[in-house]
Amino acid sequence: MHQAKRCLLDWLGVTLAGSRDPAASVLVTVAAELGPEGDTTMLGTGRRAGLLPAVLANGFMAHVLDFDDT
């Protein structure tokens, strides 16, 4: 359980940091336009989108800085 908590915190930290990357900002804007009526949160942005665009944006933010799983 301890390792699972560490992994979750690692993912959350790199995702929130990645949300400030300029490339992530562009993708978040596009995702919000693709699914403007969605209710899925794009972490660290205060914005929502449809499920699939938000999942794409969140996944991108989690990997954009290349610090995940370290």
PDB file of N, CA and C in Angstrom:
ATOM      1  N   MET A   1       0.830  -1.193   0.000  1.00  0.00           N
ATOM      2  CA  MET A   1       0.000   0.000   0.000  1.00  0.00           C
ATOM      3  C   MET A   1       0.874   1.257   0.000  1.00  0.00           C
ATOM      4  N   HIS A   2       1.982   1.213   0.721  1.00  0.00           N
ATOM      5  CA  HIS A   2       2.872   2.377   0.775  1.00  0.00           C
ATOM      6  C   HIS A   2       3.394   2.723  -0.625  1.00  0.00           C
ATOM      7  N   GLN A   3       3.799   1.710  -1.387  1.00  0.00           N
ATOM      8  CA  GLN A   3       4.325   1.952  -2.731  1.00  0.00           C
ATOM      9  C   GLN A   3       3.236   2.504  -3.652  1.00  0.00           C
ATOM     10  N   ALA A   4       2.019   2.021  -3.498  1.00  0.00           N
ATOM     11  CA  ALA A   4       0.909   2.533  -4.312  1.00  0.00           C
ATOM     12  C   ALA A   4       0.683   4.015  -4.037  1.00  0.00           C
ATOM     13  N   LYS A   5       0.759   4.412  -2.782  1.00  0.00           N
ATOM     14  CA  LYS A   5       0.600   5.827  -2.427  1.00  0.00           C
ATOM     15  C   LYS A   5       1.724   6.660  -3.022  1.00  0.00           C
ATOM     16  N   ARG A   6       2.939   6.134  -2.982  1.00  0.00           N
ATOM     17  CA  ARG A   6       4.080   6.854  -3.565  1.00  0.00           C
ATOM     18  C   ARG A   6       3.895   7.043  -5.066  1.00  0.00           C
ATOM     19  N   CYS A   7       3.448   5.999  -5.740  1.00  0.00           N
ATOM     20  CA  CYS A   7       3.235   6.086  -7.191  1.00  0.00           C
ATOM     21  C   CYS A   7       2.141   7.095  -7.532  1.00  0.00           C
ATOM     22  N   LEU A   8       1.075   7.089  -6.760  1.00  0.00           N
ATOM     23  CA  LEU A   8      -0.017   8.037  -6.995  1.00  0.00           C
ATOM     24  C   LEU A   8       0.452   9.475  -6.779  1.00  0.00           C
ATOM     25  N   LEU A   9       1.208   9.709  -5.720  1.00  0.00           N
ATOM     26  CA  LEU A   9       1.732  11.059  -5.466  1.00  0.00           C
ATOM     27  C   LEU A   9       2.720  11.486  -6.544  1.00  0.00           C
ATOM     28  N   ASP A  10       3.541  10.548  -7.025  1.00  0.00           N
ATOM     29  CA  ASP A  10       4.482  10.845  -8.101  1.00  0.00           C
ATOM     30  C   ASP A  10       3.721  11.270  -9.354  1.00  0.00           C
ATOM     31  N   TRP A  11       2.701  10.494  -9.707  1.00  0.00           N
ATOM     32  CA  TRP A  11       1.902  10.809 -10.892  1.00  0.00           C
ATOM     33  C   TRP A  11       1.229  12.170 -10.751  1.00  0.00           C
ATOM     34  N   LEU A  12       0.637  12.417  -9.595  1.00  0.00           N
ATOM     35  CA  LEU A  12      -0.058  13.684  -9.380  1.00  0.00           C
ATOM     36  C   LEU A  12       0.915  14.858  -9.463  1.00  0.00           C
ATOM     37  N   GLY A  13       2.081  14.711  -8.866  1.00  0.00           N
ATOM     38  CA  GLY A  13       3.076  15.782  -8.889  1.00  0.00           C
ATOM     39  C   GLY A  13       3.555  16.116 -10.290  1.00  0.00           C
ATOM     40  N   VAL A  14       3.898  15.088 -11.076  1.00  0.00           N
ATOM     41  CA  VAL A  14       4.386  15.371 -12.429  1.00  0.00           C
ATOM     42  C   VAL A  14       3.261  15.875 -13.330  1.00  0.00           C
ATOM     43  N   THR A  15       2.030  15.442 -13.070  1.00  0.00           N
ATOM     44  CA  THR A  15       0.901  15.931 -13.863  1.00  0.00           C
ATOM     45  C   THR A  15       0.636  17.406 -13.580  1.00  0.00           C
ATOM     46  N   LEU A  16       0.643  17.782 -12.315  1.00  0.00           N
ATOM     47  CA  LEU A  16       0.426  19.193 -11.970  1.00  0.00           C
ATOM     48  C   LEU A  16       1.559  20.069 -12.492  1.00  0.00           C
ATOM     49  N   ALA A  17       2.791  19.592 -12.390  1.00  0.00           N
ATOM     50  CA  ALA A  17       3.918  20.355 -12.938  1.00  0.00           C
ATOM     51  C   ALA A  17       3.802  20.450 -14.457  1.00  0.00           C
ATOM     52  N   GLY A  18       3.424  19.364 -15.097  1.00  0.00           N
ATOM     53  CA  GLY A  18       3.269  19.351 -16.549  1.00  0.00           C
ATOM     54  C   GLY A  18       2.154  20.251 -17.043  1.00  0.00           C
ATOM     55  N   SER A  19       1.180  20.514 -16.188  1.00  0.00           N
ATOM     56  CA  SER A  19       0.067  21.382 -16.592  1.00  0.00           C
ATOM     57  C   SER A  19       0.520  22.812 -16.837  1.00  0.00           C
ATOM     58  N   ARG A  20       1.702  23.171 -16.374  1.00  0.00           N
ATOM     59  CA  ARG A  20       2.234  24.520 -16.568  1.00  0.00           C
ATOM     60  C   ARG A  20       3.140  24.634 -17.800  1.00  0.00           C
ATOM     61  N   ASP A  21       3.370  23.519 -18.461  1.00  0.00           N
ATOM     62  CA  ASP A  21       4.205  23.520 -19.660  1.00  0.00           C
ATOM     63  C   ASP A  21       3.459  24.206 -20.814  1.00  0.00           C
ATOM     64  N   PRO A  22       4.153  25.019 -21.614  1.00  0.00           N
ATOM     65  CA  PRO A  22       3.481  25.710 -22.724  1.00  0.00           C
ATOM     66  C   PRO A  22       2.788  24.763 -23.708  1.00  0.00           C
ATOM     67  N   ALA A  23       3.397  23.624 -23.992  1.00  0.00           N
ATOM     68  CA  ALA A  23       2.766  22.671 -24.913  1.00  0.00           C
ATOM     69  C   ALA A  23       1.476  22.118 -24.322  1.00  0.00           C
ATOM     70  N   ALA A  24       1.461  21.910 -23.017  1.00  0.00           N
ATOM     71  CA  ALA A  24       0.250  21.420 -22.355  1.00  0.00           C
ATOM     72  C   ALA A  24      -0.856  22.461 -22.429  1.00  0.00           C
ATOM     73  N   SER A  25      -0.497  23.722 -22.318  1.00  0.00           N
ATOM     74  CA  SER A  25      -1.504  24.788 -22.406  1.00  0.00           C
ATOM     75  C   SER A  25      -2.210  24.774 -23.752  1.00  0.00           C
ATOM     76  N   VAL A  26      -1.448  24.532 -24.804  1.00  0.00           N
ATOM     77  CA  VAL A  26      -2.040  24.458 -26.143  1.00  0.00           C
ATOM     78  C   VAL A  26      -2.994  23.272 -26.225  1.00  0.00           C
ATOM     79  N   LEU A  27      -2.552  22.119 -25.737  1.00  0.00           N
ATOM     80  CA  LEU A  27      -3.392  20.927 -25.803  1.00  0.00           C
ATOM     81  C   LEU A  27      -4.647  21.073 -24.946  1.00  0.00           C
ATOM     82  N   VAL A  28      -4.533  21.697 -23.795  1.00  0.00           N
ATOM     83  CA  VAL A  28      -5.696  21.920 -22.928  1.00  0.00           C
ATOM     84  C   VAL A  28      -6.716  22.811 -23.635  1.00  0.00           C
ATOM     85  N   THR A  29      -6.248  23.837 -24.317  1.00  0.00           N
ATOM     86  CA  THR A  29      -7.150  24.716 -25.062  1.00  0.00           C
ATOM     87  C   THR A  29      -7.874  23.948 -26.165  1.00  0.00           C
ATOM     88  N   VAL A  30      -7.133  23.139 -26.899  1.00  0.00           N
ATOM     89  CA  VAL A  30      -7.741  22.334 -27.965  1.00  0.00           C
ATOM     90  C   VAL A  30      -8.733  21.331 -27.374  1.00  0.00           C
ATOM     91  N   ALA A  31      -8.355  20.678 -26.281  1.00  0.00           N
ATOM     92  CA  ALA A  31      -9.240  19.694 -25.645  1.00  0.00           C
ATOM     93  C   ALA A  31     -10.536  20.344 -25.182  1.00  0.00           C
ATOM     94  N   ALA A  32     -10.436  21.532 -24.622  1.00  0.00           N
ATOM     95  CA  ALA A  32     -11.635  22.243 -24.162  1.00  0.00           C
ATOM     96  C   ALA A  32     -12.542  22.604 -25.336  1.00  0.00           C
ATOM     97  N   GLU A  33     -11.951  22.902 -26.487  1.00  0.00           N
ATOM     98  CA  GLU A  33     -12.751  23.220 -27.668  1.00  0.00           C
ATOM     99  C   GLU A  33     -13.378  21.970 -28.278  1.00  0.00           C
ATOM    100  N   LEU A  34     -12.703  20.830 -28.168  1.00  0.00           N
ATOM    101  CA  LEU A  34     -13.232  19.580 -28.722  1.00  0.00           C
ATOM    102  C   LEU A  34     -14.405  19.040 -27.915  1.00  0.00           C
ATOM    103  N   GLY A  35     -14.371  19.266 -26.612  1.00  0.00           N
ATOM    104  CA  GLY A  35     -15.428  18.741 -25.758  1.00  0.00           C
ATOM    105  C   GLY A  35     -15.885  19.755 -24.745  1.00  0.00           C
ATOM    106  N   PRO A  36     -16.410  20.907 -25.198  1.00  0.00           N
ATOM    107  CA  PRO A  36     -16.711  21.999 -24.272  1.00  0.00           C
ATOM    108  C   PRO A  36     -17.825  21.696 -23.271  1.00  0.00           C
ATOM    109  N   GLU A  37     -18.677  20.732 -23.576  1.00  0.00           N
ATOM    110  CA  GLU A  37     -19.766  20.437 -22.654  1.00  0.00           C
ATOM    111  C   GLU A  37     -19.431  19.310 -21.696  1.00  0.00           C
ATOM    112  N   GLY A  38     -18.186  18.900 -21.680  1.00  0.00           N
ATOM    113  CA  GLY A  38     -17.792  17.792 -20.826  1.00  0.00           C
ATOM    114  C   GLY A  38     -17.659  18.190 -19.371  1.00  0.00           C
ATOM    115  N   ASP A  39     -17.593  17.183 -18.529  1.00  0.00           N
ATOM    116  CA  ASP A  39     -17.454  17.454 -17.099  1.00  0.00           C
ATOM    117  C   ASP A  39     -16.229  16.756 -16.508  1.00  0.00           C
ATOM    118  N   THR A  40     -15.256  16.422 -17.359  1.00  0.00           N
ATOM    119  CA  THR A  40     -14.040  15.767 -16.897  1.00  0.00           C
ATOM    120  C   THR A  40     -12.958  16.815 -16.669  1.00  0.00           C
ATOM    121  N   THR A  41     -12.356  16.790 -15.489  1.00  0.00           N
ATOM    122  CA  THR A  41     -11.357  17.784 -15.107  1.00  0.00           C
ATOM    123  C   THR A  41     -10.025  17.537 -15.801  1.00  0.00           C
ATOM    124  N   MET A  42      -9.428  18.614 -16.276  1.00  0.00           N
ATOM    125  CA  MET A  42      -8.046  18.571 -16.748  1.00  0.00           C
ATOM    126  C   MET A  42      -7.213  19.119 -15.594  1.00  0.00           C
ATOM    127  N   LEU A  43      -6.474  18.247 -14.956  1.00  0.00           N
ATOM    128  CA  LEU A  43      -5.804  18.545 -13.693  1.00  0.00           C
ATOM    129  C   LEU A  43      -4.899  19.770 -13.777  1.00  0.00           C
ATOM    130  N   GLY A  44      -4.958  20.585 -12.762  1.00  0.00           N
ATOM    131  CA  GLY A  44      -4.079  21.736 -12.645  1.00  0.00           C
ATOM    132  C   GLY A  44      -4.440  22.914 -13.523  1.00  0.00           C
ATOM    133  N   THR A  45      -5.559  22.826 -14.228  1.00  0.00           N
ATOM    134  CA  THR A  45      -5.905  23.889 -15.172  1.00  0.00           C
ATOM    135  C   THR A  45      -7.171  24.642 -14.792  1.00  0.00           C
ATOM    136  N   GLY A  46      -8.012  24.041 -13.975  1.00  0.00           N
ATOM    137  CA  GLY A  46      -9.293  24.654 -13.658  1.00  0.00           C
ATOM    138  C   GLY A  46     -10.281  24.575 -14.806  1.00  0.00           C
ATOM    139  N   ARG A  47      -9.988  23.747 -15.793  1.00  0.00           N
ATOM    140  CA  ARG A  47     -10.857  23.623 -16.967  1.00  0.00           C
ATOM    141  C   ARG A  47     -11.394  22.203 -17.071  1.00  0.00           C
ATOM    142  N   ARG A  48     -12.477  22.071 -17.813  1.00  0.00           N
ATOM    143  CA  ARG A  48     -13.104  20.771 -18.038  1.00  0.00           C
ATOM    144  C   ARG A  48     -13.294  20.562 -19.535  1.00  0.00           C
ATOM    145  N   ALA A  49     -13.412  19.299 -19.897  1.00  0.00           N
ATOM    146  CA  ALA A  49     -13.651  18.944 -21.298  1.00  0.00           C
ATOM    147  C   ALA A  49     -14.401  17.623 -21.323  1.00  0.00           C
ATOM    148  N   GLY A  50     -14.719  17.165 -22.519  1.00  0.00           N
ATOM    149  CA  GLY A  50     -15.301  15.841 -22.672  1.00  0.00           C
ATOM    150  C   GLY A  50     -14.308  14.786 -22.212  1.00  0.00           C
ATOM    151  N   LEU A  51     -14.786  13.575 -21.985  1.00  0.00           N
ATOM    152  CA  LEU A  51     -13.950  12.517 -21.424  1.00  0.00           C
ATOM    153  C   LEU A  51     -12.683  12.267 -22.234  1.00  0.00           C
ATOM    154  N   LEU A  52     -12.811  11.963 -23.517  1.00  0.00           N
ATOM    155  CA  LEU A  52     -11.630  11.607 -24.304  1.00  0.00           C
ATOM    156  C   LEU A  52     -10.633  12.757 -24.460  1.00  0.00           C
ATOM    157  N   PRO A  53     -11.064  13.984 -24.779  1.00  0.00           N
ATOM    158  CA  PRO A  53     -10.089  15.073 -24.842  1.00  0.00           C
ATOM    159  C   PRO A  53      -9.407  15.339 -23.497  1.00  0.00           C
ATOM    160  N   ALA A  54     -10.145  15.216 -22.399  1.00  0.00           N
ATOM    161  CA  ALA A  54      -9.550  15.447 -21.077  1.00  0.00           C
ATOM    162  C   ALA A  54      -8.555  14.354 -20.721  1.00  0.00           C
ATOM    163  N   VAL A  55      -8.870  13.116 -21.074  1.00  0.00           N
ATOM    164  CA  VAL A  55      -7.932  12.015 -20.829  1.00  0.00           C
ATOM    165  C   VAL A  55      -6.648  12.239 -21.620  1.00  0.00           C
ATOM    166  N   LEU A  56      -6.775  12.662 -22.865  1.00  0.00           N
ATOM    167  CA  LEU A  56      -5.594  12.957 -23.680  1.00  0.00           C
ATOM    168  C   LEU A  56      -4.756  14.057 -23.034  1.00  0.00           C
ATOM    169  N   ALA A  57      -5.405  15.134 -22.610  1.00  0.00           N
ATOM    170  CA  ALA A  57      -4.682  16.250 -21.991  1.00  0.00           C
ATOM    171  C   ALA A  57      -4.016  15.821 -20.688  1.00  0.00           C
ATOM    172  N   ASN A  58      -4.734  15.087 -19.834  1.00  0.00           N
ATOM    173  CA  ASN A  58      -4.152  14.642 -18.564  1.00  0.00           C
ATOM    174  C   ASN A  58      -2.977  13.695 -18.794  1.00  0.00           C
ATOM    175  N   GLY A  59      -3.106  12.787 -19.753  1.00  0.00           N
ATOM    176  CA  GLY A  59      -2.003  11.879 -20.065  1.00  0.00           C
ATOM    177  C   GLY A  59      -0.791  12.624 -20.596  1.00  0.00           C
ATOM    178  N   PHE A  60      -1.034  13.611 -21.446  1.00  0.00           N
ATOM    179  CA  PHE A  60       0.065  14.410 -21.978  1.00  0.00           C
ATOM    180  C   PHE A  60       0.780  15.154 -20.858  1.00  0.00           C
ATOM    181  N   MET A  61       0.004  15.768 -19.971  1.00  0.00           N
ATOM    182  CA  MET A  61       0.608  16.527 -18.868  1.00  0.00           C
ATOM    183  C   MET A  61       1.416  15.624 -17.943  1.00  0.00           C
ATOM    184  N   ALA A  62       0.992  14.379 -17.794  1.00  0.00           N
ATOM    185  CA  ALA A  62       1.703  13.445 -16.918  1.00  0.00           C
ATOM    186  C   ALA A  62       3.064  13.057 -17.485  1.00  0.00           C
ATOM    187  N   HIS A  63       3.234  13.168 -18.808  1.00  0.00           N
ATOM    188  CA  HIS A  63       4.474  12.707 -19.432  1.00  0.00           C
ATOM    189  C   HIS A  63       5.316  13.814 -20.063  1.00  0.00           C
ATOM    190  N   VAL A  64       4.790  15.018 -20.178  1.00  0.00           N
ATOM    191  CA  VAL A  64       5.471  16.070 -20.931  1.00  0.00           C
ATOM    192  C   VAL A  64       6.833  16.438 -20.341  1.00  0.00           C
ATOM    193  N   LEU A  65       6.992  16.401 -19.040  1.00  0.00           N
ATOM    194  CA  LEU A  65       8.270  16.772 -18.426  1.00  0.00           C
ATOM    195  C   LEU A  65       9.228  15.597 -18.307  1.00  0.00           C
ATOM    196  N   ASP A  66       8.761  14.401 -18.613  1.00  0.00           N
ATOM    197  CA  ASP A  66       9.568  13.180 -18.584  1.00  0.00           C
ATOM    198  C   ASP A  66      10.186  12.910 -17.211  1.00  0.00           C
ATOM    199  N   PHE A  67       9.432  13.232 -16.145  1.00  0.00           N
ATOM    200  CA  PHE A  67       9.872  12.932 -14.783  1.00  0.00           C
ATOM    201  C   PHE A  67       9.058  11.819 -14.147  1.00  0.00           C
ATOM    202  N   ASP A  68       8.109  11.257 -14.877  1.00  0.00           N
ATOM    203  CA  ASP A  68       7.260  10.232 -14.285  1.00  0.00           C
ATOM    204  C   ASP A  68       8.056   8.951 -14.028  1.00  0.00           C
ATOM    205  N   ASP A  69       7.660   8.236 -12.993  1.00  0.00           N
ATOM    206  CA  ASP A  69       8.268   6.960 -12.600  1.00  0.00           C
ATOM    207  C   ASP A  69       9.748   7.074 -12.264  1.00  0.00           C
ATOM    208  N   THR A  70      10.142   8.177 -11.668  1.00  0.00           N
ATOM    209  CA  THR A  70      11.545   8.312 -11.260  1.00  0.00           C
ATOM    210  C   THR A  70      11.670   8.301  -9.758  1.00  0.00           C
TER     211      THR A  70
END
